[in-house]
Amino acid sequence: MKERFIVSPMQSICLCDDMIVELNGFDESGIIGENLRFIRVGIDIHNELRPFIYNLLHFGSVVMTKSMLKGQDPEVQKAYVRAVLNDPAIDVNHYAFPPIVQLDLLRTFTICEFNRVVDGRRELIEHFNLGDLKETVSNVIDYFKKYLDPWGYTERFIKSYGHRMIVEDLQRTSKVLNDKFINDYRVTSFVDGGFPLVFWADNLLKPVEIMGPSRFSKEKTPIYGISNGDEYFPVVSVAGNVATITNRFYEMIYPQSVKEIPRPTTFSLEEYCNDYERFCEKPRFFPRLLFIGYIDTNLQYLIPFIKFKNMANMIFEPFRVFYSPKGSFRSFYKRFRGDSKKDIVVCGKIRQDDPKEKSMYQECKDLGLTMIDASSFLEDFEVLLDKIGEEAKGSNLDRLSLEKVTLRLNRIKEAAKKT
């Protein structure tokens, strides 16, 4: 294919200061109980800008999210997948989650939840007899908060298991971890969906002597769950896009091999259920970037990645805050909770004739939240676009494709200046 990059066999395992650094993105698509599929994308850190070029070539934008795909030509979507799968610098692994395994999980999950509710009932009865109910009732009320979104709570449990099994499979799918001669490495995993989908990470990464030597460790193979990661981090975005498109057009999977996610063999499902309930009782987040006002689409979706690169790989979880008459930020923190002192509000243009935007801006100031103007990222944004352009020039794209990338990058730069 003309848009396929020429990559030497070792380019997908590049050295960075004598250390081999591999980035992995994980996402899924489909419906629980039916066609739930997971995708792992692995890419060397020296090639991490390559996903942006595929977005530019096929969609005309630096960023492309699963929601944006809905309006794209099906043939263009298929061409995008073919280009990604044909690129030897990008590893893609496909996984199917058999409904029978999902059913086993749901059965165990339901029993564990019932047992926890029965324990709460017993505790209430004991304290009722003692005439001391205040603290116990408060605990029960807090426990049942998760059932305000019962399907979301269950869905995250099922998906977390799928991601756990796929990340563990990196021992076989990662070129770095699979090569026992490579000792100086860092294999980083980014899972879309936030902490609930990686609550198991510490258990997977802690050394277990009885199991023998492991390639996993907190230092060498960190695992991060990122809310909206499929929209803001390129390696996760590729995984999300491939998962969505191949789930929509099944023929795109052929002739790729698809692995089935198995039942657990190295841990107990009961313990897994109990850990999920315990660790996910309260929301956990990295510091968050909260967007308000008008911000150019490409600029907004690149700001978390820009901060990630500029701040020694510090992760921010991005959210767009929407207006609420009861208080936009108050409603946001009521829903998501977390420490507002660590969050940063990125403000785009506030239209003075829009009372909703003015209200959000004023509320932000009244709450004393840290604020930063979106336009302050324009310089770094343009630097990143220039690097993407240099990456394209270093590829074997034909002249017309290269001109297309250059023209679109220039157009995107000009559009962002209106922020």
Protein backbone atom coordinates (compact mmCIF):
# COMPACT_ATOMS: atom_id res chain seq x y z
CA MET A 1 0.00 0.00 0.00
CA LYS A 2 1.28 3.51 -0.71
CA GLU A 3 0.54 4.69 2.80
CA ARG A 4 2.48 1.91 4.44
CA PHE A 5 5.66 3.03 6.17
CA ILE A 6 8.99 1.31 5.53
CA VAL A 7 10.24 0.09 8.88
CA SER A 8 13.26 -2.07 9.57
CA PRO A 9 12.57 -5.25 11.59
CA MET A 10 14.10 -3.76 14.75
CA GLN A 11 12.50 -0.33 14.50
CA SER A 12 9.53 -1.45 16.59
CA ILE A 13 12.01 -2.04 19.45
CA CYS A 14 13.96 1.20 19.52
CA LEU A 15 16.43 2.32 22.14
CA CYS A 16 15.89 5.41 24.25
CA ASP A 17 19.03 6.23 26.23
CA ASP A 18 19.95 2.54 26.09
CA MET A 19 16.52 1.59 27.40
CA ILE A 20 13.89 -0.01 25.20
CA VAL A 21 10.55 1.74 25.68
CA GLU A 22 7.29 0.24 24.42
CA LEU A 23 3.85 1.83 24.72
CA ASN A 24 0.70 -0.30 24.80
CA GLY A 25 -2.88 0.88 24.44
CA PHE A 26 -5.94 -1.20 25.35
CA ASP A 27 -9.60 -0.66 24.55
CA GLU A 28 -12.71 -2.65 23.76
CA SER A 29 -15.93 -2.46 21.77
CA GLY A 30 -19.19 -4.37 21.76
CA ILE A 31 -21.95 -5.44 24.11
CA ILE A 32 -21.56 -7.53 27.26
CA GLY A 33 -23.07 -10.95 26.73
CA GLU A 34 -22.59 -10.72 22.98
CA ASN A 35 -19.76 -9.60 20.71
CA LEU A 36 -17.39 -8.02 23.23
CA ARG A 37 -13.97 -7.60 21.65
CA PHE A 38 -10.70 -6.19 22.99
CA ILE A 39 -7.72 -4.71 21.16
CA ARG A 40 -4.12 -4.30 22.26
CA VAL A 41 -1.88 -1.93 20.29
CA GLY A 42 1.87 -1.88 20.91
CA ILE A 43 4.25 0.72 19.52
CA ASP A 44 7.81 1.82 20.19
CA ILE A 45 8.11 5.25 21.79
CA HIS A 46 10.06 6.53 18.76
CA ASN A 47 7.00 5.82 16.60
CA GLU A 48 4.37 7.22 18.98
CA LEU A 49 3.41 10.07 16.60
CA ARG A 50 2.60 7.69 13.76
CA PRO A 51 -1.11 7.30 14.75
CA PHE A 52 -1.58 11.04 14.16
CA ILE A 53 -0.38 10.65 10.56
CA TYR A 54 -2.91 7.90 9.86
CA ASN A 55 -5.63 10.17 11.27
CA LEU A 56 -4.53 13.01 9.00
CA LEU A 57 -4.36 10.82 5.91
CA HIS A 58 -7.73 9.15 6.36
CA PHE A 59 -9.85 11.61 8.33
CA GLY A 60 -8.20 15.00 7.81
CA SER A 61 -7.77 15.56 11.54
CA VAL A 62 -4.91 14.99 13.96
CA VAL A 63 -7.30 13.34 16.40
CA MET A 64 -10.05 10.82 15.75
CA THR A 65 -12.24 9.42 18.50
CA LYS A 66 -14.76 6.59 18.49
CA SER A 67 -17.63 9.07 18.59
CA MET A 68 -16.16 10.99 15.63
CA LEU A 69 -15.99 7.78 13.60
CA LYS A 70 -19.78 7.65 13.34
CA GLY A 71 -19.83 10.32 10.65
CA GLN A 72 -16.97 8.89 8.59
CA ASP A 73 -17.28 7.01 5.29
CA PRO A 74 -17.20 3.23 5.96
CA GLU A 75 -14.64 2.71 3.18
CA VAL A 76 -12.35 5.30 4.75
CA GLN A 77 -12.68 3.58 8.11
CA LYS A 78 -11.73 0.25 6.53
CA ALA A 79 -8.74 1.83 4.76
CA TYR A 80 -7.60 3.22 8.11
CA VAL A 81 -7.69 -0.24 9.73
CA ARG A 82 -5.86 -1.81 6.79
CA ALA A 83 -3.12 0.83 7.04
CA VAL A 84 -2.67 0.26 10.77
CA LEU A 85 -2.66 -3.54 10.45
CA ASN A 86 -0.17 -3.41 7.58
CA ASP A 87 2.30 -1.21 9.45
CA PRO A 88 5.09 -3.45 10.84
CA ALA A 89 5.90 -0.82 13.48
CA ILE A 90 2.46 -1.23 15.07
CA ASP A 91 1.53 -4.47 16.81
CA VAL A 92 -2.20 -5.22 17.00
CA ASN A 93 -3.69 -8.15 18.90
CA HIS A 94 -7.37 -9.11 18.74
CA TYR A 95 -9.27 -10.78 21.59
CA ALA A 96 -12.80 -12.11 21.83
CA PHE A 97 -14.55 -12.48 25.18
CA PRO A 98 -16.67 -15.68 24.98
CA PRO A 99 -20.16 -15.17 26.47
CA ILE A 100 -19.79 -18.40 28.51
CA VAL A 101 -16.77 -16.92 30.33
CA GLN A 102 -18.66 -13.66 30.83
CA LEU A 103 -21.51 -15.68 32.34
CA ASP A 104 -19.14 -17.38 34.79
CA LEU A 105 -17.88 -13.97 35.84
CA LEU A 106 -21.38 -12.55 36.28
CA ARG A 107 -22.47 -15.58 38.30
CA THR A 108 -19.54 -15.24 40.71
CA PHE A 109 -19.93 -11.46 40.80
CA THR A 110 -23.63 -11.71 41.70
CA ILE A 111 -23.00 -14.21 44.49
CA CYS A 112 -20.24 -12.03 45.96
CA GLU A 113 -22.49 -8.97 45.87
CA PHE A 114 -25.35 -10.89 47.51
CA ASN A 115 -23.01 -12.09 50.25
CA ARG A 116 -21.87 -8.53 50.87
CA VAL A 117 -25.47 -7.33 51.13
CA VAL A 118 -26.31 -10.16 53.57
CA ASP A 119 -23.30 -9.15 55.67
CA GLY A 120 -24.61 -5.59 55.74
CA ARG A 121 -28.04 -6.83 56.79
CA ARG A 122 -26.49 -8.84 59.63
CA GLU A 123 -24.53 -5.79 60.77
CA LEU A 124 -27.70 -3.67 60.77
CA ILE A 125 -29.56 -6.24 62.89
CA GLU A 126 -26.73 -6.45 65.41
CA HIS A 127 -26.53 -2.69 65.85
CA PHE A 128 -30.32 -2.36 65.87
CA ASN A 129 -30.39 -4.60 68.93
CA LEU A 130 -27.71 -2.43 70.53
CA GLY A 131 -29.59 0.77 69.71
CA ASP A 132 -26.59 2.16 67.83
CA LEU A 133 -27.45 2.49 64.14
CA LYS A 134 -26.06 5.82 63.00
CA GLU A 135 -22.60 4.71 61.79
CA THR A 136 -23.84 1.39 60.41
CA VAL A 137 -26.67 3.00 58.44
CA SER A 138 -24.21 5.56 57.10
CA ASN A 139 -21.91 2.75 55.90
CA VAL A 140 -24.80 0.94 54.22
CA ILE A 141 -25.90 4.14 52.48
CA ASP A 142 -22.37 4.70 51.17
CA TYR A 143 -22.16 1.08 50.00
CA PHE A 144 -25.34 1.33 47.93
CA LYS A 145 -24.23 4.52 46.15
CA LYS A 146 -22.61 2.39 43.47
CA TYR A 147 -26.02 0.99 42.54
CA LEU A 148 -27.11 4.42 41.33
CA ASP A 149 -25.41 3.17 38.14
CA PRO A 150 -25.88 -0.62 38.43
CA TRP A 151 -25.14 -1.43 34.80
CA GLY A 152 -22.02 0.75 34.75
CA TYR A 153 -20.75 -0.92 37.93
CA THR A 154 -21.29 -4.38 36.43
CA GLU A 155 -19.93 -3.44 33.01
CA ARG A 156 -16.70 -2.08 34.47
CA PHE A 157 -16.22 -5.33 36.38
CA ILE A 158 -16.53 -7.46 33.23
CA LYS A 159 -14.29 -5.20 31.18
CA SER A 160 -11.69 -4.97 33.94
CA TYR A 161 -11.31 -8.75 33.84
CA GLY A 162 -10.84 -8.72 30.07
CA HIS A 163 -8.16 -6.06 30.28
CA ARG A 164 -6.40 -7.87 33.10
CA MET A 165 -6.07 -11.07 31.08
CA ILE A 166 -4.87 -9.17 27.99
CA VAL A 167 -2.26 -7.15 29.90
CA GLU A 168 -0.98 -10.37 31.46
CA ASP A 169 -0.72 -11.78 27.93
CA LEU A 170 1.92 -9.13 27.16
CA GLN A 171 4.43 -11.77 28.26
CA ARG A 172 3.70 -13.37 24.88
CA THR A 173 2.48 -10.49 22.69
CA SER A 174 5.01 -7.78 23.60
CA LYS A 175 8.19 -7.95 21.53
CA VAL A 176 10.06 -6.59 24.53
CA LEU A 177 8.69 -8.83 27.29
CA ASN A 178 8.80 -11.87 25.05
CA ASP A 179 12.53 -11.41 24.44
CA LYS A 180 14.28 -12.67 27.58
CA PHE A 181 17.58 -11.19 26.38
CA ILE A 182 16.21 -7.65 26.79
CA ASN A 183 16.79 -6.57 30.39
CA ASP A 184 16.79 -2.77 30.26
CA TYR A 185 13.23 -1.94 29.27
CA ARG A 186 10.07 -0.08 30.15
CA VAL A 187 6.77 -1.44 28.86
CA THR A 188 3.96 0.96 29.72
CA SER A 189 0.28 0.04 29.46
CA PHE A 190 -2.57 2.55 29.09
CA VAL A 191 -6.08 1.18 29.57
CA ASP A 192 -9.10 3.23 28.58
CA GLY A 193 -11.71 3.63 31.29
CA GLY A 194 -9.87 4.83 34.39
CA PHE A 195 -8.95 3.17 37.67
CA PRO A 196 -11.87 0.69 37.93
CA LEU A 197 -10.56 -1.12 34.86
CA VAL A 198 -7.04 -1.53 36.33
CA PHE A 199 -7.76 -1.94 40.05
CA TRP A 200 -5.93 -5.27 39.77
CA ALA A 201 -2.65 -3.70 38.58
CA ASP A 202 -0.80 -3.77 41.91
CA ASN A 203 -1.58 -7.46 42.39
CA LEU A 204 -0.34 -8.28 38.88
CA LEU A 205 2.86 -6.28 39.31
CA LYS A 206 3.89 -7.33 42.80
CA PRO A 207 6.59 -10.02 42.91
CA VAL A 208 5.36 -13.51 43.74
CA GLU A 209 8.32 -15.75 44.53
CA ILE A 210 6.35 -18.97 44.28
CA MET A 211 5.48 -18.21 40.65
CA GLY A 212 9.14 -17.81 39.66
CA PRO A 213 10.73 -14.79 37.91
CA SER A 214 8.34 -12.38 36.22
CA ARG A 215 8.89 -9.75 33.56
CA PHE A 216 6.27 -7.59 35.30
CA SER A 217 7.16 -5.00 37.95
CA LYS A 218 5.92 -1.57 39.03
CA GLU A 219 9.15 0.00 37.81
CA LYS A 220 9.45 -1.67 34.42
CA THR A 221 5.85 -2.35 33.39
CA PRO A 222 3.60 0.37 34.87
CA ILE A 223 -0.13 0.13 34.18
CA TYR A 224 -2.38 3.19 34.02
CA GLY A 225 -6.15 3.39 33.73
CA ILE A 226 -7.13 6.66 32.06
CA SER A 227 -10.64 8.06 31.83
CA ASN A 228 -11.36 9.01 28.21
CA GLY A 229 -7.92 7.69 27.28
CA ASP A 230 -9.23 6.55 23.89
CA GLU A 231 -9.87 10.19 23.00
CA TYR A 232 -6.70 11.85 24.25
CA PHE A 233 -3.77 9.38 24.12
CA PRO A 234 -2.68 8.24 20.63
CA VAL A 235 -1.81 4.60 21.34
CA VAL A 236 -5.13 4.10 23.17
CA SER A 237 -7.00 5.96 20.45
CA VAL A 238 -5.70 3.53 17.82
CA ALA A 239 -6.85 0.58 19.95
CA GLY A 240 -10.29 2.15 20.39
CA ASN A 241 -10.68 2.98 16.71
CA VAL A 242 -9.58 -0.47 15.53
CA ALA A 243 -11.88 -2.12 18.10
CA THR A 244 -14.84 -0.01 16.99
CA ILE A 245 -14.31 -0.40 13.25
CA THR A 246 -13.60 -4.16 13.29
CA ASN A 247 -16.61 -4.71 15.54
CA ARG A 248 -18.73 -2.78 13.04
CA PHE A 249 -17.24 -4.47 9.98
CA TYR A 250 -16.41 -8.06 10.91
CA GLU A 251 -14.70 -8.74 7.59
CA MET A 252 -11.87 -6.43 8.66
CA ILE A 253 -10.73 -8.99 11.23
CA TYR A 254 -9.83 -11.58 8.58
CA PRO A 255 -7.12 -12.89 8.32
CA GLN A 256 -6.01 -11.70 11.77
CA SER A 257 -5.89 -14.32 14.53
CA VAL A 258 -8.32 -13.74 17.38
CA LYS A 259 -7.53 -15.07 20.83
CA GLU A 260 -10.23 -15.96 23.31
CA ILE A 261 -10.08 -14.48 26.80
CA PRO A 262 -9.85 -17.51 29.11
CA ARG A 263 -11.08 -18.36 32.57
CA PRO A 264 -8.54 -17.50 35.28
CA THR A 265 -5.84 -20.01 36.16
CA THR A 266 -3.53 -17.93 38.38
CA PHE A 267 -6.06 -16.28 40.71
CA SER A 268 -9.43 -16.84 42.35
CA LEU A 269 -12.54 -15.27 40.83
CA GLU A 270 -14.00 -14.82 44.32
CA GLU A 271 -10.95 -12.86 45.43
CA TYR A 272 -11.09 -10.84 42.21
CA CYS A 273 -14.73 -9.91 42.90
CA ASN A 274 -13.99 -8.94 46.48
CA ASP A 275 -11.01 -6.83 45.44
CA TYR A 276 -13.13 -5.04 42.85
CA GLU A 277 -15.77 -4.20 45.43
CA ARG A 278 -13.12 -3.04 47.92
CA PHE A 279 -10.88 -1.01 45.62
CA CYS A 280 -13.64 0.59 43.56
CA GLU A 281 -15.84 1.61 46.46
CA LYS A 282 -14.64 5.21 46.07
CA PRO A 283 -13.62 6.90 42.80
CA ARG A 284 -9.90 7.38 42.17
CA PHE A 285 -8.43 9.72 39.60
CA PHE A 286 -5.17 11.16 38.43
CA PRO A 287 -5.16 14.97 38.44
CA ARG A 288 -7.78 16.09 35.95
CA LEU A 289 -7.91 18.57 33.11
CA LEU A 290 -11.39 20.11 32.97
CA PHE A 291 -12.30 21.90 29.75
CA ILE A 292 -14.78 24.78 29.46
CA GLY A 293 -15.48 27.41 26.82
CA TYR A 294 -14.67 27.25 23.12
CA ILE A 295 -11.47 25.33 22.39
CA ASP A 296 -10.48 24.12 18.94
CA THR A 297 -11.13 20.36 18.76
CA ASN A 298 -7.61 19.31 17.77
CA LEU A 299 -6.06 21.58 20.39
CA GLN A 300 -8.30 20.31 23.19
CA TYR A 301 -7.67 16.66 22.38
CA LEU A 302 -3.90 17.16 22.26
CA ILE A 303 -3.48 19.16 25.48
CA PRO A 304 -3.37 16.11 27.82
CA PHE A 305 -0.77 14.47 25.56
CA ILE A 306 1.25 17.71 25.45
CA LYS A 307 1.25 17.92 29.26
CA PHE A 308 2.13 14.23 29.47
CA LYS A 309 5.21 14.79 27.29
CA ASN A 310 6.22 18.10 28.87
CA MET A 311 5.85 17.02 32.51
CA ALA A 312 7.95 13.85 32.61
CA ASN A 313 5.05 11.57 31.66
CA MET A 314 2.70 12.92 34.32
CA ILE A 315 -0.83 11.73 33.56
CA PHE A 316 -3.88 13.99 33.59
CA GLU A 317 -7.36 12.59 33.05
CA PRO A 318 -9.39 14.85 30.72
CA PHE A 319 -13.06 15.77 31.06
CA ARG A 320 -15.29 18.32 29.36
CA VAL A 321 -17.48 20.02 31.99
CA PHE A 322 -21.03 20.75 30.89
CA TYR A 323 -23.41 23.39 32.13
CA SER A 324 -25.82 22.60 34.95
CA PRO A 325 -28.26 25.11 36.50
CA LYS A 326 -27.46 23.55 39.88
CA GLY A 327 -23.79 24.42 39.42
CA SER A 328 -21.64 22.94 36.67
CA PHE A 329 -18.55 22.15 38.75
CA ARG A 330 -20.57 21.28 41.83
CA SER A 331 -22.50 18.74 39.75
CA PHE A 332 -19.27 17.41 38.25
CA TYR A 333 -17.65 16.84 41.64
CA LYS A 334 -20.83 15.39 43.08
CA ARG A 335 -20.80 12.78 40.32
CA PHE A 336 -17.10 12.05 40.02
CA ARG A 337 -15.77 13.24 43.38
CA GLY A 338 -12.00 13.41 43.81
CA ASP A 339 -9.63 16.15 44.96
CA SER A 340 -10.38 19.42 43.18
CA LYS A 341 -7.10 20.93 44.45
CA LYS A 342 -5.15 18.76 42.00
CA ASP A 343 -7.35 19.58 39.02
CA ILE A 344 -6.72 22.23 36.37
CA VAL A 345 -9.50 24.01 34.50
CA VAL A 346 -8.51 24.77 30.90
CA CYS A 347 -10.54 27.76 29.74
CA GLY A 348 -11.30 28.43 26.11
CA LYS A 349 -13.03 31.56 24.82
CA ILE A 350 -16.00 32.51 26.98
CA ARG A 351 -18.70 34.07 24.82
CA GLN A 352 -20.01 37.09 26.68
CA ASP A 353 -23.44 36.70 25.11
CA ASP A 354 -23.72 33.15 26.47
CA PRO A 355 -24.97 33.24 30.09
CA LYS A 356 -24.21 29.54 30.58
CA GLU A 357 -20.53 29.91 29.72
CA LYS A 358 -20.24 33.05 31.85
CA SER A 359 -21.87 31.21 34.75
CA MET A 360 -19.42 28.30 34.48
CA TYR A 361 -16.43 30.65 34.35
CA GLN A 362 -17.62 32.58 37.39
CA GLU A 363 -18.35 29.40 39.34
CA CYS A 364 -14.85 28.20 38.61
CA LYS A 365 -13.40 31.42 40.06
CA ASP A 366 -15.72 31.34 43.08
CA LEU A 367 -14.60 27.79 43.93
CA GLY A 368 -10.95 28.80 43.72
CA LEU A 369 -10.08 26.19 41.10
CA THR A 370 -6.75 26.41 39.29
CA MET A 371 -7.36 27.95 35.87
CA ILE A 372 -5.24 28.21 32.75
CA ASP A 373 -6.00 29.74 29.36
CA ALA A 374 -6.24 27.21 26.54
CA SER A 375 -4.33 29.59 24.24
CA SER A 376 -1.24 29.16 26.44
CA PHE A 377 -0.83 25.70 24.87
CA LEU A 378 -0.72 27.00 21.28
CA GLU A 379 3.07 27.19 21.08
CA ASP A 380 3.55 23.61 22.29
CA PHE A 381 0.67 22.56 20.04
CA GLU A 382 2.43 23.94 16.97
CA VAL A 383 5.71 22.33 18.02
CA LEU A 384 3.94 18.97 18.24
CA LEU A 385 2.34 19.45 14.82
CA ASP A 386 5.77 20.25 13.37
CA LYS A 387 7.12 17.00 14.83
CA ILE A 388 4.24 15.10 13.27
CA GLY A 389 5.11 16.72 9.94
CA GLU A 390 8.77 15.69 10.33
CA GLU A 391 7.65 12.12 11.09
CA ALA A 392 5.65 12.11 7.87
CA LYS A 393 8.60 13.41 5.85
CA GLY A 394 10.78 10.63 7.24
CA SER A 395 8.35 7.98 6.01
CA ASN A 396 7.93 6.58 2.51
CA LEU A 397 4.66 8.40 1.85
CA ASP A 398 4.33 9.40 -1.77
CA ARG A 399 4.48 13.07 -2.73
CA LEU A 400 0.71 13.56 -2.92
CA SER A 401 0.11 11.97 0.48
CA LEU A 402 2.87 14.05 2.03
CA GLU A 403 1.42 17.22 0.55
CA LYS A 404 -1.98 16.24 1.93
CA VAL A 405 -0.53 15.82 5.44
CA THR A 406 1.34 19.14 5.23
CA LEU A 407 -1.69 21.09 4.00
CA ARG A 408 -3.92 19.62 6.69
CA LEU A 409 -1.39 20.36 9.43
CA ASN A 410 -1.20 24.00 8.30
CA ARG A 411 -4.99 24.26 8.25
CA ILE A 412 -5.21 22.79 11.75
CA LYS A 413 -2.63 25.28 13.04
CA GLU A 414 -4.63 28.22 11.69
CA ALA A 415 -7.92 26.90 13.10
CA ALA A 416 -6.43 26.48 16.58
CA LYS A 417 -5.41 30.15 16.71
CA LYS A 418 -9.10 31.07 17.02
CA THR A 419 -9.20 29.51 20.52
